[in-house]
Amino acid sequence: MPKTQSRKNPQASLHREASQVSASANKNPRLNKAIAQRGLCSRRKADELIFQGKVKVNGQTVLDPSCRIAENDLLEVSGQKLSLVQKPVYLMLHKPIQTVSTAHDPEGRTTVLDLLPEQFRSMRLFPIGRLDYFSEGLLLITNDGDLANSLMHPSFHLPKTYHVTVRGFVPKESLARMQKGMRLSDGTQLLPVPVHATCLGHNTTLLCMTLHQGINRQIRKMCEQENLTILKLVRVAYGPLKLGDLALGQVRELTARELKELSKARQDPKA
């Protein structure tokens, strides 16, 4: 029996090529996501700007937020040119005291970006959330605006754990009020705060506290109301991320595992 010669199917070949092109195109970010990832605004705000005709791609106004953007496309938002070729960067900083948790400070004080290694200085990085001027500890810094906006949204709060050193002995009644959920003097009702007290000696106590709200200066307000003097305040955990042994003022990139855990926590902060 003669062998049957195999014939190439031109239709199948074209289909494979089309699929490859489609798969490649789908790797490009949508227009609204590309804007958010540059840190300019949230994805929802990007949608508004697009619908208002304030976004151009290669000089042409685009009104579709789902439009895919390639790396070599020129993107303009309200006349501001944005670079698309930007590797996502995710950093953990051990913020020291007397450092401002902003990208720029009008008073000329040291900012958290001033502490970054040289290779990160030219990137458009910004901190996620804040630690006040006299607090230290774990602070996330990134150029992923989509991540930052989701983590800082008022309806979304990852638990944050702090080690707070206070002067003297902490009464059981104060701990009970914190754990039950205090009402601040301005009327703000706080959620229960898990807190554990450890006597350090030398007339000091260490409080380990976990917050589930985004109240500004919450720990300082709680301690002030309980007549407790804070000597040191350090954020040691943010969601699944742990400060660990990262030295004061030092920075490192998040590991692949940490990014995976952070992504999972974004989907379900109670997990």
Protein backbone atom coordinates (compact mmCIF):
# COMPACT_ATOMS: atom_id res chain seq x y z
CA MET A 1 0.00 0.00 0.00
CA PRO A 2 1.50 3.32 -1.02
CA LYS A 3 2.17 5.85 1.71
CA THR A 4 -0.23 8.73 1.86
CA GLN A 5 1.55 12.07 1.52
CA SER A 6 0.58 14.51 4.28
CA ARG A 7 -0.61 17.88 3.10
CA LYS A 8 -0.41 21.09 5.05
CA ASN A 9 -3.72 22.74 5.76
CA PRO A 10 -3.38 26.43 4.84
CA GLN A 11 -6.56 27.27 6.76
CA ALA A 12 -5.18 25.69 9.96
CA SER A 13 -1.87 27.52 9.51
CA LEU A 14 -3.62 30.87 9.16
CA HIS A 15 -5.71 30.09 12.22
CA ARG A 16 -2.60 29.34 14.29
CA GLU A 17 -0.93 32.57 13.16
CA ALA A 18 -4.03 34.57 13.98
CA SER A 19 -4.21 32.96 17.43
CA GLN A 20 -0.58 33.79 18.10
CA VAL A 21 -1.12 37.42 17.12
CA SER A 22 -4.24 37.59 19.28
CA ALA A 23 -2.43 36.05 22.28
CA SER A 24 0.43 38.51 21.86
CA ALA A 25 -1.98 41.46 21.70
CA ASN A 26 -3.80 40.30 24.83
CA LYS A 27 -0.55 40.55 26.78
CA ASN A 28 -0.63 44.31 26.25
CA PRO A 29 -2.45 46.21 29.03
CA ARG A 30 -5.79 47.90 28.53
CA LEU A 31 -5.63 51.67 28.22
CA ASN A 32 -7.23 52.37 31.62
CA LYS A 33 -4.94 49.89 33.38
CA ALA A 34 -1.85 51.32 31.65
CA ILE A 35 -2.72 54.80 32.97
CA ALA A 36 -3.35 53.49 36.51
CA GLN A 37 -0.10 51.53 36.54
CA ARG A 38 1.83 54.72 35.83
CA GLY A 39 0.56 56.04 39.17
CA LEU A 40 -1.35 58.92 37.59
CA CYS A 41 -4.75 57.96 39.02
CA SER A 42 -7.06 55.03 39.77
CA ARG A 43 -8.44 52.88 36.97
CA ARG A 44 -11.93 54.32 37.52
CA LYS A 45 -10.59 57.87 37.23
CA ALA A 46 -8.70 56.79 34.09
CA ASP A 47 -12.04 55.68 32.60
CA GLU A 48 -13.46 59.15 33.26
CA LEU A 49 -10.48 60.85 31.60
CA ILE A 50 -10.81 58.58 28.57
CA PHE A 51 -14.56 59.25 28.21
CA GLN A 52 -13.85 62.98 28.51
CA GLY A 53 -11.55 62.78 25.49
CA LYS A 54 -8.44 63.70 27.47
CA VAL A 55 -6.42 60.63 26.47
CA LYS A 56 -4.51 60.24 23.22
CA VAL A 57 -2.64 57.25 21.80
CA ASN A 58 -0.12 58.11 19.09
CA GLY A 59 -1.69 61.53 18.75
CA GLN A 60 -5.25 60.23 18.30
CA THR A 61 -7.99 60.63 20.91
CA VAL A 62 -9.20 57.25 22.18
CA LEU A 63 -12.57 56.86 23.91
CA ASP A 64 -12.41 53.13 24.64
CA PRO A 65 -10.86 52.18 28.04
CA SER A 66 -10.47 48.54 26.91
CA CYS A 67 -8.21 49.49 24.00
CA ARG A 68 -4.93 47.54 24.18
CA ILE A 69 -1.70 49.55 24.39
CA ALA A 70 1.68 48.36 23.09
CA GLU A 71 5.04 49.34 24.60
CA ASN A 72 5.99 51.53 21.63
CA ASP A 73 2.70 53.48 21.64
CA LEU A 74 2.85 57.13 22.68
CA LEU A 75 0.35 57.79 25.46
CA GLU A 76 -0.79 61.28 26.51
CA VAL A 77 -3.16 62.17 29.34
CA SER A 78 -4.32 65.78 29.50
CA GLY A 79 -1.25 66.71 27.47
CA GLN A 80 1.15 64.84 29.76
CA LYS A 81 3.23 62.16 28.06
CA LEU A 82 3.46 58.84 29.88
CA SER A 83 6.10 56.18 29.31
CA LEU A 84 4.70 52.67 28.89
CA VAL A 85 8.02 50.88 29.13
CA GLN A 86 8.19 50.56 32.87
CA LYS A 87 8.92 47.44 34.88
CA PRO A 88 6.66 47.07 37.91
CA VAL A 89 8.67 47.61 41.09
CA TYR A 90 7.60 46.53 44.57
CA LEU A 91 9.80 47.58 47.48
CA MET A 92 9.69 47.20 51.25
CA LEU A 93 11.34 49.99 53.23
CA HIS A 94 12.11 50.06 56.94
CA LYS A 95 11.19 53.71 57.38
CA PRO A 96 13.12 55.59 60.09
CA ILE A 97 11.66 58.42 62.15
CA GLN A 98 11.90 62.02 60.96
CA THR A 99 11.27 60.91 57.39
CA VAL A 100 8.22 62.03 55.39
CA SER A 101 6.09 59.33 53.75
CA THR A 102 5.58 61.27 50.52
CA ALA A 103 7.35 61.57 47.17
CA HIS A 104 8.04 65.30 47.69
CA ASP A 105 8.03 67.60 50.70
CA PRO A 106 7.52 71.37 50.32
CA GLU A 107 9.45 71.93 53.58
CA GLY A 108 12.53 70.19 52.21
CA ARG A 109 12.53 67.37 54.75
CA THR A 110 13.92 63.91 53.95
CA THR A 111 11.36 61.76 52.14
CA VAL A 112 11.18 57.98 51.91
CA LEU A 113 12.24 58.21 48.25
CA ASP A 114 15.49 59.89 49.31
CA LEU A 115 16.41 56.63 51.07
CA LEU A 116 16.14 54.45 47.98
CA PRO A 117 19.23 52.99 46.23
CA GLU A 118 20.41 54.82 43.12
CA GLN A 119 18.90 52.33 40.64
CA PHE A 120 15.39 53.25 41.85
CA ARG A 121 15.85 57.05 41.95
CA SER A 122 14.91 57.67 38.30
CA MET A 123 11.69 55.62 38.51
CA ARG A 124 8.30 57.16 39.24
CA LEU A 125 7.87 55.47 42.61
CA PHE A 126 5.55 56.43 45.44
CA PRO A 127 4.65 55.04 48.90
CA ILE A 128 1.47 53.10 49.57
CA GLY A 129 -0.16 54.77 52.54
CA ARG A 130 1.81 56.59 55.22
CA LEU A 131 3.64 56.32 58.50
CA ASP A 132 3.73 59.55 60.46
CA TYR A 133 6.91 61.58 60.93
CA PHE A 134 7.86 60.04 64.29
CA SER A 135 6.86 56.45 63.46
CA GLU A 136 9.02 53.82 61.83
CA GLY A 137 8.61 50.41 60.24
CA LEU A 138 7.28 48.66 57.16
CA LEU A 139 6.30 50.87 54.24
CA LEU A 140 5.55 49.68 50.70
CA ILE A 141 6.87 51.66 47.73
CA THR A 142 5.90 50.94 44.12
CA ASN A 143 5.18 52.31 40.65
CA ASP A 144 2.05 50.16 40.32
CA GLY A 145 -0.76 52.67 40.67
CA ASP A 146 -3.40 49.98 40.28
CA LEU A 147 -2.06 48.13 43.34
CA ALA A 148 -1.67 51.33 45.35
CA ASN A 149 -5.20 52.54 44.64
CA SER A 150 -6.74 49.18 45.55
CA LEU A 151 -4.81 48.93 48.85
CA MET A 152 -5.54 52.54 49.84
CA HIS A 153 -9.24 52.50 48.91
CA PRO A 154 -11.40 53.51 51.92
CA SER A 155 -13.40 50.26 51.70
CA PHE A 156 -10.30 48.07 51.76
CA HIS A 157 -8.03 47.57 54.76
CA LEU A 158 -5.38 44.92 55.24
CA PRO A 159 -4.59 44.33 58.93
CA LYS A 160 -1.52 46.22 60.12
CA THR A 161 0.47 45.13 63.17
CA TYR A 162 2.50 47.52 65.33
CA HIS A 163 4.93 47.21 68.23
CA VAL A 164 4.35 50.18 70.52
CA THR A 165 6.67 50.91 73.42
CA VAL A 166 5.02 53.03 76.11
CA ARG A 167 6.23 54.46 79.40
CA GLY A 168 5.17 52.74 82.60
CA PHE A 169 2.57 50.07 83.32
CA VAL A 170 -0.57 49.68 81.20
CA PRO A 171 -3.72 49.11 83.29
CA LYS A 172 -5.88 46.10 82.46
CA GLU A 173 -8.83 48.47 82.06
CA SER A 174 -7.02 50.29 79.23
CA LEU A 175 -6.27 47.03 77.44
CA ALA A 176 -9.89 45.95 77.83
CA ARG A 177 -11.19 49.19 76.30
CA MET A 178 -8.84 48.81 73.32
CA GLN A 179 -9.85 45.19 72.80
CA LYS A 180 -13.55 45.98 73.07
CA GLY A 181 -13.46 48.90 70.64
CA MET A 182 -12.90 52.42 71.96
CA ARG A 183 -14.82 55.57 71.17
CA LEU A 184 -12.41 58.45 70.64
CA SER A 185 -13.02 61.87 72.14
CA ASP A 186 -14.02 63.20 68.71
CA GLY A 187 -16.80 60.61 68.55
CA THR A 188 -15.06 58.15 66.20
CA GLN A 189 -16.02 54.56 67.04
CA LEU A 190 -13.09 52.18 66.64
CA LEU A 191 -13.22 48.50 65.85
CA PRO A 192 -11.84 46.09 68.47
CA VAL A 193 -8.02 46.11 68.46
CA PRO A 194 -6.26 42.87 69.44
CA VAL A 195 -3.52 43.96 71.85
CA HIS A 196 -0.97 42.06 73.92
CA ALA A 197 1.13 43.74 76.64
CA THR A 198 4.64 42.68 77.68
CA CYS A 199 6.59 44.32 80.50
CA LEU A 200 10.07 45.24 79.25
CA GLY A 201 11.47 46.46 82.54
CA HIS A 202 13.05 49.89 83.01
CA ASN A 203 9.51 51.25 83.49
CA THR A 204 8.37 50.43 79.92
CA THR A 205 5.73 48.18 78.33
CA LEU A 206 5.56 46.75 74.82
CA LEU A 207 2.11 46.66 73.19
CA CYS A 208 1.55 44.47 70.13
CA MET A 209 -1.50 45.92 68.35
CA THR A 210 -3.27 44.94 65.11
CA LEU A 211 -5.44 47.54 63.36
CA HIS A 212 -8.22 46.83 60.88
CA GLN A 213 -9.16 50.45 60.11
CA GLY A 214 -7.60 53.36 58.27
CA ILE A 215 -8.06 55.98 60.99
CA ASN A 216 -5.33 58.63 60.82
CA ARG A 217 -2.90 58.41 63.79
CA GLN A 218 -5.20 55.85 65.43
CA ILE A 219 -2.67 54.35 67.85
CA ARG A 220 -1.46 57.76 69.02
CA LYS A 221 -5.04 58.89 69.62
CA MET A 222 -5.86 55.69 71.53
CA CYS A 223 -2.79 55.97 73.75
CA GLU A 224 -3.33 59.67 74.38
CA GLN A 225 -6.90 58.96 75.51
CA GLU A 226 -5.59 56.30 77.92
CA ASN A 227 -2.85 58.66 79.21
CA LEU A 228 -0.09 56.45 77.78
CA THR A 229 3.14 58.06 76.56
CA ILE A 230 4.50 56.48 73.38
CA LEU A 231 8.28 56.11 73.30
CA LYS A 232 8.52 54.15 70.05
CA LEU A 233 6.04 53.05 67.37
CA VAL A 234 7.02 50.50 64.72
CA ARG A 235 4.86 48.87 62.02
CA VAL A 236 6.05 45.26 61.83
CA ALA A 237 3.48 43.73 59.46
CA TYR A 238 1.19 44.82 56.64
CA GLY A 239 -1.26 42.12 55.63
CA PRO A 240 0.83 39.03 54.79
CA LEU A 241 4.08 41.04 54.64
CA LYS A 242 6.49 41.01 57.59
CA LEU A 243 9.25 43.53 58.35
CA GLY A 244 11.46 40.77 59.74
CA ASP A 245 15.12 41.65 60.17
CA LEU A 246 15.21 44.41 57.53
CA ALA A 247 17.53 47.03 59.01
CA LEU A 248 16.38 50.57 59.78
CA GLY A 249 16.56 52.74 56.65
CA GLN A 250 17.15 49.76 54.38
CA VAL A 251 15.05 48.66 51.40
CA ARG A 252 14.54 45.41 49.49
CA GLU A 253 12.35 44.13 46.68
CA LEU A 254 9.41 41.90 47.54
CA THR A 255 9.90 38.23 46.76
CA ALA A 256 7.74 36.35 44.26
CA ARG A 257 6.08 34.56 47.17
CA GLU A 258 5.29 37.83 48.95
CA LEU A 259 3.77 39.27 45.78
CA LYS A 260 1.62 36.16 45.40
CA GLU A 261 0.45 36.41 49.02
CA LEU A 262 -0.24 40.13 48.63
CA SER A 263 -2.26 39.49 45.48
CA LYS A 264 -4.28 36.84 47.30
CA ALA A 265 -4.89 39.22 50.22
CA ARG A 266 -6.15 41.87 47.78
CA GLN A 267 -8.78 39.44 46.58
CA ASP A 268 -9.82 38.48 50.12
CA PRO A 269 -8.32 40.59 52.93
CA LYS A 270 -9.97 38.33 55.54
CA ALA A 271 -8.21 35.21 54.22
